[in-house]
Amino acid sequence: MRYKQLMVAATVALATAGVAACGSSNDNGGGGGTTTSGGGGKKIALLLPETKTTRYEAKDRPLFTAKVKALCPDCTILYSNASQDASKQQQQAEAAITNGADVLVLDAVDVKSVGAIIQHANQRKIPVIAYDRLISDAKIDYYVSFDNVLQGRIQAKTLVDDLGPAAAGKSIVMVNGAPTDPSAGDYKKGAHEVLDKSGIKIAKEYDTPDWSPDKAQRQMEQAITALGKNGFVGVYSANDGMASGIIAAMKSAGIKPASKPTTGGDSEAAAIQRILTGEQYSTIYLAIKKQAETSAELAVNAANGKPAPAGLVNAKVDNGSLQVPSVLLSPIAVTKDNIKDTVIKDGFLTPGEICTGPYAAACTQAGIG
């Protein structure tokens, strides 16, 4: 038995050495994820939560990776996506630590279940950067996100302003994000601060597990059944993925989505297309490029035992355990009127990504081309 154990250990060691020497990419599923190696530098683990929200794979991961490589060509990126599975993320984080990660950039699937990850990282003196979602009651080194309460206020205000004074006393449906995501709670808090004093009634309100578009669609179907086609005047949706499900439910019920303004968030390409054609009223532009690149700067410095670059940290956020040095970015409301001056101007999306097929005419009308 002892001989067999030694042989297994030697095989694993040789395999690991081979990957590091070749600097190749390796996808081992739910374990360590993908390793992108640039040589013998520090190892930076990026742990993202899910794929249903398209931003993570389409924007956050490539932007973060590109910035790390620009700052530290010899750094290795240990990448994993947990596919909305907290247990899987636990395994991925442990694998990253075992593989020698010098810093963890963690967007938690469930912030209440990552205590063991943080504790292990602390024991190994590995800095932890909470990405997008604040991790409470734990020793983390940095937090990079947006002013989430402000985002909720902005989302709600765009809806209230579009509905106008005539909506006083009328009803809307409110579809919030995942109850395991503290950002969703912040959006919800900010939105209620606006909606509760607007004179508009919230006839149905849901919290949506996993930010799932499919679950949001079923919730909206339930709301339509309960309220009737004319029993609500608009929908507050916390993000674009859920808005897609909400709009699908309205279409299935014979409701023209343009007649019931719906909010969103994340500025997904599909959401911008819906806004151009009037199916969705608004979204939120989060400067994800800045978020990802800021996190990469912090990660490279932390991995090398250096403090944050001067002037980068702009806030401290109480996570119940300490005042966490933070970078908080400002969200921006996007409607048809300012698509060109926001997501297009900043290069977050290109006309080629949006102005396809049936959306070409709408792009031309909006001055995008």
Foldseek 3Di string as FASTA:
>chain_A
DVVVVVVVVVVVVVVLVVCQVVQDWDAPDLAQGIKRFQHDDAEEEEEAEAPLPPCVVVPQVVLLVVLLCVVPSGYMYRYDYQRLDQVSSQNNLVNCVVSHHQEYEDAHSFLVRCQVSQVVCVVVVRAYEDAAFDRFPGDHAEYEHAQLLVQLLVLLVLQLVVVPPVQQQAEEEEEFEAPRGVSSVSSVNSVCVCVVPSNYHHPYYYYAHPRALQRLLVSLLVVCVVQPLPRHQAYEYAADSVLVSNLVNCVVVVHQQLRHEYEHEDPDLVVLLCLLVRNHFKYKHDPSSCRSSQVSQCRVQSSVVHHHPPPQFDAFDHRPNDGHRYHHHYIDMDGLQCPCVPCPVVVVDACVSRCDDPSVVSCVVSVHD
